[in-house]
Amino acid sequence: MEAATAGTTTAQHPIRLVNHDDLHRNRLTVFFRAILAIPLLLWLVLWSVIAYLAWFVNWWATLFMGRSPEGLHNFLATYLRFATHVRAYCFLIANPYPGFTGTEGTYPIDLEVDPPARQNRWTVLFRAILAIPALLLMYVLSGLSNILAIFSWFIALILGRVPEGIRNFAALALRIEIQTFGYLMLLTGRYPSFNVGVES
């Protein structure tokens, strides 16, 4: 029983991007996407101020306790989920307008975060340094994804859908991005997964 649990843990990352997008896009909302996203981006900026403070407190708490306090963990997970929804909307990885709450299960491109688990205090102490390779890869993939979003915008305007390959690459880049930020925010002690599976 214990071996099966260990196998499950290694197979599934504690922070997972779930993709239920159908590739269809509304041409009108695609055309005005940058304008429609302004309220979401403003709310994300305001939420980010509080999240960065929570992140700092969470670092100290995890360093001393060996695990993230559940309240801080849940708050940061909800913030990261909302940021995922907003990014997916802005870069045409999904079509519907997201809510402002970051509620799980409410968006086609969603984020699942496991409950807090014990973490090695040494890796917590040096988390910002350990994350550098993942951050470098994240910035490269995000840059490519941003360029591809321009092509997606034109294609969606013409066809009313986005190419699956471009959407999947954007979802991969987004998954690595959120897992990297989740690792930095101490939502998990597990390093971001570089596997190509969207839900890993």
Protein backbone atom coordinates (compact mmCIF):
# COMPACT_ATOMS: atom_id res chain seq x y z
CA MET A 1 0.00 0.00 0.00
CA GLU A 2 2.84 2.39 0.89
CA ALA A 3 4.68 1.61 -2.35
CA ALA A 4 1.58 2.38 -4.38
CA THR A 5 1.23 5.73 -2.64
CA ALA A 6 4.86 6.58 -3.33
CA GLY A 7 4.41 5.66 -7.00
CA THR A 8 1.39 7.92 -7.26
CA THR A 9 3.28 10.81 -5.70
CA THR A 10 6.13 10.59 -8.21
CA ALA A 11 3.72 10.26 -11.15
CA GLN A 12 1.58 13.27 -10.33
CA HIS A 13 2.97 16.73 -9.63
CA PRO A 14 1.41 18.51 -6.61
CA ILE A 15 0.61 21.51 -8.88
CA ARG A 16 -1.25 20.51 -12.02
CA LEU A 17 -2.64 22.39 -15.00
CA VAL A 18 -5.92 20.84 -16.14
CA ASN A 19 -7.00 21.46 -19.74
CA HIS A 20 -10.69 21.22 -20.72
CA ASP A 21 -10.52 23.79 -23.53
CA ASP A 22 -12.38 22.99 -26.78
CA LEU A 23 -10.25 25.27 -29.04
CA HIS A 24 -13.29 27.36 -30.09
CA ARG A 25 -12.99 31.15 -29.75
CA ASN A 26 -15.54 33.94 -30.01
CA ARG A 27 -14.25 36.28 -32.74
CA LEU A 28 -15.73 39.39 -31.12
CA THR A 29 -14.15 38.77 -27.70
CA VAL A 30 -10.89 37.78 -29.39
CA PHE A 31 -10.81 41.11 -31.23
CA PHE A 32 -11.33 43.08 -28.00
CA ARG A 33 -9.39 40.68 -25.72
CA ALA A 34 -6.79 43.24 -24.64
CA ILE A 35 -9.48 45.73 -23.57
CA LEU A 36 -11.70 43.11 -21.92
CA ALA A 37 -8.73 41.87 -19.88
CA ILE A 38 -8.07 45.25 -18.22
CA PRO A 39 -10.35 44.70 -15.16
CA LEU A 40 -8.83 41.24 -14.64
CA LEU A 41 -5.28 42.61 -14.85
CA LEU A 42 -6.05 45.44 -12.43
CA TRP A 43 -7.51 42.98 -9.92
CA LEU A 44 -4.49 40.69 -10.41
CA VAL A 45 -2.11 43.57 -9.64
CA LEU A 46 -4.01 44.46 -6.46
CA TRP A 47 -4.13 40.82 -5.38
CA SER A 48 -0.41 40.45 -6.17
CA VAL A 49 0.52 43.06 -3.55
CA ILE A 50 -1.15 41.01 -0.82
CA ALA A 51 0.15 37.75 -2.31
CA TYR A 52 3.76 38.93 -2.17
CA LEU A 53 3.35 39.79 1.51
CA ALA A 54 1.77 36.38 2.12
CA TRP A 55 4.61 34.78 0.18
CA PHE A 56 7.18 36.43 2.48
CA VAL A 57 5.32 35.31 5.61
CA ASN A 58 4.91 31.84 4.13
CA TRP A 59 8.67 31.57 3.55
CA TRP A 60 9.44 32.26 7.21
CA ALA A 61 6.64 30.00 8.43
CA THR A 62 7.72 27.12 6.19
CA LEU A 63 11.36 27.60 7.17
CA PHE A 64 10.53 27.24 10.87
CA MET A 65 7.65 24.76 10.71
CA GLY A 66 8.88 22.60 7.83
CA ARG A 67 5.56 23.03 6.01
CA SER A 68 3.38 25.83 4.70
CA PRO A 69 0.53 26.82 7.07
CA GLU A 70 -2.76 25.70 5.55
CA GLY A 71 -4.36 29.18 5.46
CA LEU A 72 -1.39 30.77 3.69
CA HIS A 73 -1.08 27.76 1.39
CA ASN A 74 -4.73 27.99 0.34
CA PHE A 75 -4.58 31.75 -0.16
CA LEU A 76 -1.48 31.53 -2.38
CA ALA A 77 -2.93 28.57 -4.30
CA THR A 78 -6.11 30.56 -5.00
CA TYR A 79 -4.05 33.56 -6.11
CA LEU A 80 -1.96 31.37 -8.42
CA ARG A 81 -5.14 29.79 -9.83
CA PHE A 82 -6.62 33.21 -10.59
CA ALA A 83 -3.36 34.27 -12.26
CA THR A 84 -3.55 31.06 -14.34
CA HIS A 85 -7.11 31.86 -15.44
CA VAL A 86 -6.15 35.43 -16.37
CA ARG A 87 -3.07 34.39 -18.33
CA ALA A 88 -5.04 31.68 -20.14
CA TYR A 89 -7.67 34.26 -21.10
CA CYS A 90 -5.21 36.96 -22.18
CA PHE A 91 -3.13 34.64 -24.36
CA LEU A 92 -6.08 32.80 -25.94
CA ILE A 93 -5.34 29.50 -24.21
CA ALA A 94 -9.04 29.54 -23.24
CA ASN A 95 -12.11 31.44 -24.38
CA PRO A 96 -14.56 32.29 -21.53
CA TYR A 97 -14.17 35.37 -19.37
CA PRO A 98 -12.81 34.16 -16.02
CA GLY A 99 -14.29 35.00 -12.65
CA PHE A 100 -12.47 37.19 -10.13
CA THR A 101 -12.28 34.63 -7.32
CA GLY A 102 -9.84 31.98 -8.54
CA THR A 103 -12.30 29.24 -7.64
CA GLU A 104 -11.21 25.76 -8.66
CA GLY A 105 -13.25 24.02 -11.36
CA THR A 106 -14.68 27.21 -12.87
CA TYR A 107 -12.45 27.62 -15.92
CA PRO A 108 -11.42 25.40 -18.89
CA ILE A 109 -7.73 25.89 -18.09
CA ASP A 110 -7.62 25.24 -14.37
CA LEU A 111 -5.13 24.69 -11.59
CA GLU A 112 -5.13 21.92 -9.00
CA VAL A 113 -2.86 22.30 -5.96
CA ASP A 114 -2.36 19.54 -3.40
CA PRO A 115 -2.62 20.34 0.34
CA PRO A 116 0.56 21.44 2.14
CA ALA A 117 3.20 18.77 2.73
CA ARG A 118 6.46 18.68 4.64
CA GLN A 119 9.43 20.35 2.96
CA ASN A 120 13.16 20.20 3.53
CA ARG A 121 14.16 23.36 5.41
CA TRP A 122 17.46 23.62 3.51
CA THR A 123 15.66 23.71 0.17
CA VAL A 124 13.24 26.27 1.65
CA LEU A 125 16.15 28.46 2.74
CA PHE A 126 17.76 28.41 -0.71
CA ARG A 127 14.54 28.21 -2.74
CA ALA A 128 15.18 31.37 -4.79
CA ILE A 129 18.61 30.07 -5.89
CA LEU A 130 17.37 26.54 -6.59
CA ALA A 131 14.59 27.94 -8.80
CA ILE A 132 16.97 29.79 -11.18
CA PRO A 133 17.19 27.01 -13.85
CA ALA A 134 13.38 26.65 -13.87
CA LEU A 135 12.98 30.44 -14.07
CA LEU A 136 15.32 30.64 -17.08
CA LEU A 137 13.41 27.91 -18.92
CA MET A 138 10.11 29.53 -17.91
CA TYR A 139 11.10 32.89 -19.40
CA VAL A 140 12.19 31.27 -22.69
CA LEU A 141 8.98 29.25 -23.03
CA SER A 142 6.79 32.19 -21.97
CA GLY A 143 8.46 34.42 -24.55
CA LEU A 144 7.80 31.89 -27.31
CA SER A 145 4.24 31.43 -26.09
CA ASN A 146 3.66 35.19 -26.17
CA ILE A 147 4.86 35.36 -29.77
CA LEU A 148 2.62 32.42 -30.74
CA ALA A 149 -0.33 34.19 -29.07
CA ILE A 150 -0.12 36.84 -31.80
CA PHE A 151 -0.54 34.13 -34.46
CA SER A 152 -3.38 32.61 -32.43
CA TRP A 153 -5.11 35.99 -32.34
CA PHE A 154 -5.12 36.31 -36.14
CA ILE A 155 -6.12 32.67 -36.67
CA ALA A 156 -8.93 32.90 -34.10
CA LEU A 157 -10.27 36.04 -35.77
CA ILE A 158 -10.43 34.26 -39.13
CA LEU A 159 -11.42 30.71 -38.13
CA GLY A 160 -13.11 31.16 -34.75
CA ARG A 161 -10.73 28.62 -33.20
CA VAL A 162 -7.05 28.26 -32.35
CA PRO A 163 -4.71 25.53 -33.60
CA GLU A 164 -4.39 22.68 -31.13
CA GLY A 165 -0.59 22.57 -31.37
CA ILE A 166 -0.21 26.25 -30.51
CA ARG A 167 -2.71 25.96 -27.66
CA ASN A 168 -0.93 22.88 -26.29
CA PHE A 169 2.46 24.60 -26.41
CA ALA A 170 0.98 27.64 -24.63
CA ALA A 171 -0.54 25.33 -22.01
CA LEU A 172 2.84 23.61 -21.52
CA ALA A 173 4.57 26.98 -21.07
CA LEU A 174 1.85 28.07 -18.63
CA ARG A 175 2.15 24.83 -16.64
CA ILE A 176 5.90 25.23 -16.23
CA GLU A 177 5.35 28.87 -15.28
CA ILE A 178 2.78 28.13 -12.57
CA GLN A 179 4.76 25.17 -11.21
CA THR A 180 7.84 27.39 -11.01
CA PHE A 181 5.94 30.11 -9.15
CA GLY A 182 4.31 27.46 -6.97
CA TYR A 183 7.77 26.12 -6.11
CA LEU A 184 8.98 29.65 -5.30
CA MET A 185 5.86 30.37 -3.21
CA LEU A 186 6.52 27.16 -1.24
CA LEU A 187 3.25 25.55 -2.28
CA THR A 188 5.35 22.46 -2.95
CA GLY A 189 8.88 21.26 -2.41
CA ARG A 190 8.83 19.44 -5.73
CA TYR A 191 10.67 20.98 -8.65
CA PRO A 192 8.67 21.97 -11.76
CA SER A 193 8.04 19.08 -14.17
CA PHE A 194 9.50 19.48 -17.64
CA ASN A 195 7.44 16.61 -19.08
CA VAL A 196 5.40 17.49 -22.14
CA GLY A 197 2.09 16.21 -20.67
CA VAL A 198 -0.30 19.11 -20.06
CA GLU A 199 -1.73 17.72 -16.83
CA SER A 200 1.51 16.58 -15.13
